[in-house]
Protein backbone atom coordinates (compact mmCIF):
# COMPACT_ATOMS: atom_id res chain seq x y z
CA MET A 1 -21.25 -135.66 -4.82
CA THR A 2 -22.70 -133.06 -7.19
CA LEU A 3 -26.11 -134.76 -7.08
CA CYS A 4 -26.10 -134.59 -3.29
CA ILE A 5 -25.37 -130.86 -3.37
CA ALA A 6 -28.09 -130.32 -5.98
CA GLU A 7 -30.64 -132.22 -3.89
CA THR A 8 -29.72 -130.23 -0.78
CA SER A 9 -30.07 -126.95 -2.69
CA ARG A 10 -33.39 -128.07 -4.16
CA SER A 11 -34.68 -129.06 -0.74
CA LYS A 12 -33.68 -125.67 0.65
CA LEU A 13 -35.41 -123.87 -2.22
CA VAL A 14 -38.58 -125.90 -1.73
CA HIS A 15 -38.56 -125.06 1.99
CA GLU A 16 -38.02 -121.35 1.29
CA ALA A 17 -40.81 -121.29 -1.31
CA ARG A 18 -43.21 -123.02 1.09
CA ALA A 19 -42.33 -120.54 3.84
CA ALA A 20 -42.93 -117.63 1.46
CA ARG A 21 -46.38 -118.98 0.51
CA VAL A 22 -47.30 -119.53 4.16
CA LEU A 23 -46.24 -116.04 5.18
CA GLU A 24 -47.97 -114.41 2.22
CA ALA A 25 -51.23 -116.18 3.09
CA TRP A 26 -50.83 -115.34 6.79
CA ARG A 27 -50.29 -111.66 6.05
CA ALA A 28 -53.36 -111.75 3.78
CA GLY A 29 -55.43 -112.78 6.79
CA GLN A 30 -55.87 -116.52 6.23
CA SER A 31 -56.04 -118.76 9.28
CA THR A 32 -53.42 -121.41 9.94
CA HIS A 33 -56.07 -124.03 9.19
CA GLU A 34 -56.88 -122.47 5.80
CA ILE A 35 -53.20 -122.20 4.90
CA ALA A 36 -52.53 -125.82 5.84
CA ALA A 37 -55.50 -127.05 3.81
CA THR A 38 -54.53 -124.96 0.78
CA LEU A 39 -50.89 -126.03 0.78
CA GLY A 40 -51.50 -129.61 1.87
CA ILE A 41 -49.26 -129.46 4.93
CA GLU A 42 -49.84 -129.96 8.64
CA GLU A 43 -51.18 -127.00 10.59
CA SER A 44 -48.32 -127.44 13.07
CA GLU A 45 -45.88 -126.88 10.21
CA VAL A 46 -47.70 -123.67 9.27
CA CYS A 47 -47.46 -122.47 12.87
CA ARG A 48 -43.76 -123.34 13.04
CA ILE A 49 -43.03 -121.38 9.85
CA ILE A 50 -44.95 -118.34 11.11
CA GLU A 51 -43.26 -118.41 14.52
CA GLU A 52 -39.78 -118.74 12.98
CA ASN A 53 -40.35 -115.77 10.70
CA GLN A 54 -41.93 -113.29 13.07
CA ALA A 55 -39.58 -110.50 14.01
């Protein structure tokens, strides 16, 4: 049970860190394509993160 909680927390932290890196790069003027290539994720994921975090 503890391992499951630790894995869930780790997964959440990884997601939050990725979102922070995406948003930092976006605010610095990088394109979604550049961000995706740099972080090794799909461009659609970059777009999703940006859209979810725009206020």
